[in-house]
């Protein structure tokens, strides 16, 4: 039983770490919203987006905002339920059921993120898509360097 509780706890921890919020997801806190807005403005500038492209991207994000918020709320709720169940010494079947539900929410979040990326790509020109991929690769490299510095230090 104890191994199962450790496993379920590890799943919750891994899910928390491994499922990053989509690059330009909708933040609930004012400070996060401000930084997300700045990031979007910076991206629009880097890609030299037209006013029409910006409007289309904003409209798509607004269209799916509620979907994202619903999934985010469900994800947080399930994480809390798993933590509570572990603390209460729940049986393996209960933990397995909660873990399955959490996995389904993670899949739905990943699908939504993929759909958002596809929609963005459909709005961009071929040159803008290439530039976006270059920016993503650079950002990934910087993240990797930060991780390596933290592991060393």
C-alpha atoms as a PDB file:
ATOM      1  CA  UNK A   1       0.000   0.000   0.000  1.00  0.00           C
ATOM      2  CA  UNK A   2       2.800   2.372   0.907  1.00  0.00           C
ATOM      3  CA  UNK A   3       4.495   1.860  -2.484  1.00  0.00           C
ATOM      4  CA  UNK A   4       1.228   2.703  -4.237  1.00  0.00           C
ATOM      5  CA  UNK A   5       0.883   5.898  -2.202  1.00  0.00           C
ATOM      6  CA  UNK A   6       4.426   6.879  -3.098  1.00  0.00           C
ATOM      7  CA  UNK A   7       3.706   6.112  -6.731  1.00  0.00           C
ATOM      8  CA  UNK A   8       0.519   8.204  -6.736  1.00  0.00           C
ATOM      9  CA  UNK A   9       2.372  11.028  -5.011  1.00  0.00           C
ATOM     10  CA  UNK A  10       5.072  10.798  -7.663  1.00  0.00           C
ATOM     11  CA  UNK A  11       2.435  10.954 -10.408  1.00  0.00           C
ATOM     12  CA  UNK A  12       1.011  14.133  -8.901  1.00  0.00           C
ATOM     13  CA  UNK A  13       4.468  15.668  -8.555  1.00  0.00           C
ATOM     14  CA  UNK A  14       5.502  14.653 -12.069  1.00  0.00           C
ATOM     15  CA  UNK A  15       2.271  15.991 -13.517  1.00  0.00           C
ATOM     16  CA  UNK A  16       2.790  19.282 -11.745  1.00  0.00           C
ATOM     17  CA  UNK A  17       6.299  19.597 -13.118  1.00  0.00           C
ATOM     18  CA  UNK A  18       5.840  18.042 -16.548  1.00  0.00           C
ATOM     19  CA  UNK A  19       2.679  19.744 -17.736  1.00  0.00           C
ATOM     20  CA  UNK A  20       3.619  23.327 -18.363  1.00  0.00           C
ATOM     21  CA  UNK A  21       0.947  25.808 -19.088  1.00  0.00           C
ATOM     22  CA  UNK A  22       0.746  26.572 -22.767  1.00  0.00           C
ATOM     23  CA  UNK A  23       3.066  29.350 -23.922  1.00  0.00           C
ATOM     24  CA  UNK A  24       0.388  31.994 -24.117  1.00  0.00           C
ATOM     25  CA  UNK A  25      -2.260  30.452 -21.921  1.00  0.00           C
ATOM     26  CA  UNK A  26      -4.720  32.582 -20.124  1.00  0.00           C
ATOM     27  CA  UNK A  27      -3.500  33.658 -16.708  1.00  0.00           C
ATOM     28  CA  UNK A  28      -5.824  34.298 -13.808  1.00  0.00           C
ATOM     29  CA  UNK A  29      -3.547  36.592 -11.834  1.00  0.00           C
ATOM     30  CA  UNK A  30      -3.092  40.182 -12.937  1.00  0.00           C
ATOM     31  CA  UNK A  31       0.713  40.001 -12.859  1.00  0.00           C
ATOM     32  CA  UNK A  32       0.768  36.864 -14.959  1.00  0.00           C
ATOM     33  CA  UNK A  33      -1.708  38.345 -17.380  1.00  0.00           C
ATOM     34  CA  UNK A  34       0.535  41.369 -17.805  1.00  0.00           C
ATOM     35  CA  UNK A  35       3.619  39.246 -18.511  1.00  0.00           C
ATOM     36  CA  UNK A  36       1.648  37.025 -20.932  1.00  0.00           C
ATOM     37  CA  UNK A  37       0.459  40.127 -22.735  1.00  0.00           C
ATOM     38  CA  UNK A  38       4.027  41.414 -22.993  1.00  0.00           C
ATOM     39  CA  UNK A  39       5.160  38.038 -24.294  1.00  0.00           C
ATOM     40  CA  UNK A  40       2.432  38.089 -26.945  1.00  0.00           C
ATOM     41  CA  UNK A  41       3.326  41.650 -27.963  1.00  0.00           C
ATOM     42  CA  UNK A  42       6.981  40.618 -28.185  1.00  0.00           C
ATOM     43  CA  UNK A  43       6.119  37.575 -30.287  1.00  0.00           C
ATOM     44  CA  UNK A  44       3.908  39.656 -32.571  1.00  0.00           C
ATOM     45  CA  UNK A  45       6.798  42.051 -33.046  1.00  0.00           C
ATOM     46  CA  UNK A  46       9.359  39.284 -33.627  1.00  0.00           C
ATOM     47  CA  UNK A  47       7.141  37.627 -36.240  1.00  0.00           C
ATOM     48  CA  UNK A  48       6.034  40.946 -37.734  1.00  0.00           C
ATOM     49  CA  UNK A  49       2.366  39.971 -37.479  1.00  0.00           C
ATOM     50  CA  UNK A  50      -0.222  42.007 -39.327  1.00  0.00           C
ATOM     51  CA  UNK A  51      -3.176  43.558 -37.516  1.00  0.00           C
ATOM     52  CA  UNK A  52      -5.430  40.950 -39.108  1.00  0.00           C
ATOM     53  CA  UNK A  53      -3.243  38.100 -37.858  1.00  0.00           C
ATOM     54  CA  UNK A  54      -3.191  39.543 -34.340  1.00  0.00           C
ATOM     55  CA  UNK A  55      -6.975  39.869 -34.373  1.00  0.00           C
ATOM     56  CA  UNK A  56      -7.421  36.281 -35.585  1.00  0.00           C
ATOM     57  CA  UNK A  57      -5.054  34.917 -32.921  1.00  0.00           C
ATOM     58  CA  UNK A  58      -6.784  36.882 -30.166  1.00  0.00           C
ATOM     59  CA  UNK A  59     -10.193  35.705 -31.374  1.00  0.00           C
ATOM     60  CA  UNK A  60      -9.060  32.071 -31.369  1.00  0.00           C
ATOM     61  CA  UNK A  61      -7.607  32.398 -27.871  1.00  0.00           C
ATOM     62  CA  UNK A  62     -10.790  34.013 -26.610  1.00  0.00           C
ATOM     63  CA  UNK A  63     -12.866  31.261 -28.215  1.00  0.00           C
ATOM     64  CA  UNK A  64     -10.997  28.576 -26.293  1.00  0.00           C
ATOM     65  CA  UNK A  65     -10.383  30.477 -23.073  1.00  0.00           C
ATOM     66  CA  UNK A  66     -13.242  28.810 -21.213  1.00  0.00           C
ATOM     67  CA  UNK A  67     -12.142  25.340 -22.374  1.00  0.00           C
ATOM     68  CA  UNK A  68      -8.671  25.959 -21.028  1.00  0.00           C
ATOM     69  CA  UNK A  69      -9.941  27.359 -17.729  1.00  0.00           C
ATOM     70  CA  UNK A  70     -12.302  24.395 -17.265  1.00  0.00           C
ATOM     71  CA  UNK A  71      -9.472  21.911 -17.835  1.00  0.00           C
ATOM     72  CA  UNK A  72      -7.167  23.844 -15.556  1.00  0.00           C
ATOM     73  CA  UNK A  73      -9.763  23.854 -12.777  1.00  0.00           C
ATOM     74  CA  UNK A  74     -10.487  20.155 -13.205  1.00  0.00           C
ATOM     75  CA  UNK A  75      -6.753  19.399 -13.139  1.00  0.00           C
ATOM     76  CA  UNK A  76      -6.244  21.343  -9.899  1.00  0.00           C
ATOM     77  CA  UNK A  77      -9.277  19.716  -8.315  1.00  0.00           C
ATOM     78  CA  UNK A  78      -8.046  16.214  -9.153  1.00  0.00           C
ATOM     79  CA  UNK A  79      -4.562  16.962  -7.849  1.00  0.00           C
ATOM     80  CA  UNK A  80      -6.138  18.075  -4.587  1.00  0.00           C
ATOM     81  CA  UNK A  81      -8.300  14.967  -4.420  1.00  0.00           C
ATOM     82  CA  UNK A  82      -5.262  12.748  -4.960  1.00  0.00           C
ATOM     83  CA  UNK A  83      -3.310  14.538  -2.242  1.00  0.00           C
ATOM     84  CA  UNK A  84      -6.256  14.245   0.152  1.00  0.00           C
ATOM     85  CA  UNK A  85      -6.752  10.571  -0.712  1.00  0.00           C
ATOM     86  CA  UNK A  86      -3.083   9.784  -0.083  1.00  0.00           C
ATOM     87  CA  UNK A  87      -3.150  11.634   3.234  1.00  0.00           C
ATOM     88  CA  UNK A  88      -6.296   9.724   4.222  1.00  0.00           C
ATOM     89  CA  UNK A  89      -4.734   6.367   3.325  1.00  0.00           C
ATOM     90  CA  UNK A  90      -7.099   5.615   0.443  1.00  0.00           C
ATOM     91  CA  UNK A  91      -7.061   2.200  -1.161  1.00  0.00           C
ATOM     92  CA  UNK A  92      -5.306   1.453  -4.427  1.00  0.00           C
ATOM     93  CA  UNK A  93      -8.519   1.335  -6.451  1.00  0.00           C
ATOM     94  CA  UNK A  94      -9.449   4.871  -5.409  1.00  0.00           C
ATOM     95  CA  UNK A  95      -5.984   6.173  -6.191  1.00  0.00           C
ATOM     96  CA  UNK A  96      -5.954   4.362  -9.530  1.00  0.00           C
ATOM     97  CA  UNK A  97      -9.332   5.874 -10.447  1.00  0.00           C
ATOM     98  CA  UNK A  98      -8.158   9.381  -9.548  1.00  0.00           C
ATOM     99  CA  UNK A  99      -4.869   8.865 -11.399  1.00  0.00           C
ATOM    100  CA  UNK A 100      -6.810   7.723 -14.489  1.00  0.00           C
ATOM    101  CA  UNK A 101      -8.998  10.823 -14.338  1.00  0.00           C
ATOM    102  CA  UNK A 102      -5.940  13.037 -13.945  1.00  0.00           C
ATOM    103  CA  UNK A 103      -4.351  11.351 -16.955  1.00  0.00           C
ATOM    104  CA  UNK A 104      -7.441  12.026 -19.054  1.00  0.00           C
ATOM    105  CA  UNK A 105      -7.353  15.707 -18.114  1.00  0.00           C
ATOM    106  CA  UNK A 106      -3.662  15.879 -18.985  1.00  0.00           C
ATOM    107  CA  UNK A 107      -4.402  14.357 -22.377  1.00  0.00           C
ATOM    108  CA  UNK A 108      -7.203  16.854 -22.975  1.00  0.00           C
ATOM    109  CA  UNK A 109      -4.868  19.732 -22.029  1.00  0.00           C
ATOM    110  CA  UNK A 110      -2.193  18.431 -24.394  1.00  0.00           C
ATOM    111  CA  UNK A 111      -4.758  18.118 -27.190  1.00  0.00           C
ATOM    112  CA  UNK A 112      -5.956  21.678 -26.601  1.00  0.00           C
ATOM    113  CA  UNK A 113      -2.371  22.937 -26.647  1.00  0.00           C
ATOM    114  CA  UNK A 114      -1.767  21.081 -29.911  1.00  0.00           C
ATOM    115  CA  UNK A 115      -4.939  22.528 -31.436  1.00  0.00           C
ATOM    116  CA  UNK A 116      -3.857  26.020 -30.389  1.00  0.00           C
ATOM    117  CA  UNK A 117      -0.463  25.532 -32.008  1.00  0.00           C
ATOM    118  CA  UNK A 118      -2.067  24.225 -35.193  1.00  0.00           C
ATOM    119  CA  UNK A 119      -4.443  27.191 -35.311  1.00  0.00           C
ATOM    120  CA  UNK A 120      -1.545  29.593 -34.828  1.00  0.00           C
ATOM    121  CA  UNK A 121       0.429  27.899 -37.585  1.00  0.00           C
ATOM    122  CA  UNK A 122      -2.555  28.181 -39.929  1.00  0.00           C
ATOM    123  CA  UNK A 123      -2.660  31.944 -39.360  1.00  0.00           C
ATOM    124  CA  UNK A 124       1.063  32.493 -39.956  1.00  0.00           C
ATOM    125  CA  UNK A 125       2.853  32.691 -43.272  1.00  0.00           C
ATOM    126  CA  UNK A 126       5.479  30.094 -44.112  1.00  0.00           C
ATOM    127  CA  UNK A 127       8.274  32.540 -43.220  1.00  0.00           C
ATOM    128  CA  UNK A 128       6.622  33.388 -39.901  1.00  0.00           C
ATOM    129  CA  UNK A 129       6.235  29.683 -39.063  1.00  0.00           C
ATOM    130  CA  UNK A 130       9.937  29.160 -39.744  1.00  0.00           C
ATOM    131  CA  UNK A 131      10.815  32.141 -37.539  1.00  0.00           C
ATOM    132  CA  UNK A 132       8.523  30.849 -34.796  1.00  0.00           C
ATOM    133  CA  UNK A 133      10.212  27.444 -34.874  1.00  0.00           C
ATOM    134  CA  UNK A 134      13.597  29.169 -34.647  1.00  0.00           C
ATOM    135  CA  UNK A 135      12.423  31.193 -31.631  1.00  0.00           C
ATOM    136  CA  UNK A 136      11.084  28.057 -29.956  1.00  0.00           C
ATOM    137  CA  UNK A 137      14.361  26.227 -30.543  1.00  0.00           C
ATOM    138  CA  UNK A 138      16.309  29.131 -29.027  1.00  0.00           C
ATOM    139  CA  UNK A 139      13.984  29.242 -26.023  1.00  0.00           C
ATOM    140  CA  UNK A 140      14.341  25.477 -25.553  1.00  0.00           C
ATOM    141  CA  UNK A 141      18.120  25.786 -25.643  1.00  0.00           C
ATOM    142  CA  UNK A 142      18.074  28.564 -23.026  1.00  0.00           C
ATOM    143  CA  UNK A 143      15.853  26.461 -20.751  1.00  0.00           C
ATOM    144  CA  UNK A 144      18.231  23.534 -21.114  1.00  0.00           C
ATOM    145  CA  UNK A 145      21.201  25.731 -20.226  1.00  0.00           C
ATOM    146  CA  UNK A 146      19.406  27.031 -17.113  1.00  0.00           C
ATOM    147  CA  UNK A 147      18.602  23.463 -16.036  1.00  0.00           C
ATOM    148  CA  UNK A 148      22.220  22.452 -16.458  1.00  0.00           C
ATOM    149  CA  UNK A 149      23.450  25.453 -14.449  1.00  0.00           C
ATOM    150  CA  UNK A 150      21.025  24.605 -11.621  1.00  0.00           C
ATOM    151  CA  UNK A 151      22.202  20.996 -11.540  1.00  0.00           C
ATOM    152  CA  UNK A 152      25.830  22.059 -11.383  1.00  0.00           C
ATOM    153  CA  UNK A 153      25.339  24.819  -8.802  1.00  0.00           C
END
